[in-house]
Amino acid sequence: MAASRILRYTAKYLEEGTALIIPAKLKPAQIKKIQALAVTAFRTLELLGMARVDFFLEKKGGGKLYLNEVNTIPGFTSISMYPKLWAATGIPFRN
């Protein structure tokens, strides 16, 4: 994520130096909980195919977790986050 608190379009797509931290620095229990909630959201909405389920995690206040959005048409270009997330799991982006 960009150094600023808000990830703006220019930082996300145009500027050098925006760092994505993949995988996120989370505890195994947090990862398991977020994955389960993502699956629950996907199934509750009766989705098919693929989606990216985004969350916010508070650093303070007990680490409250918020579902931000379910993106059923995530960006899928060479500079998009979705293929970068796949690449981190060993699935390469192919044009």
Foldseek 3Di string as FASTA:
>chain_A
DAPDPDCDPCNLPPDPDNDDDPPDPDDPVVVVVVVVVLVVVCVVVPHDDDWDWDWDFDPDDVGDIGTDDIGPDFDQDPSGVVQVNVVSVPDHRDD
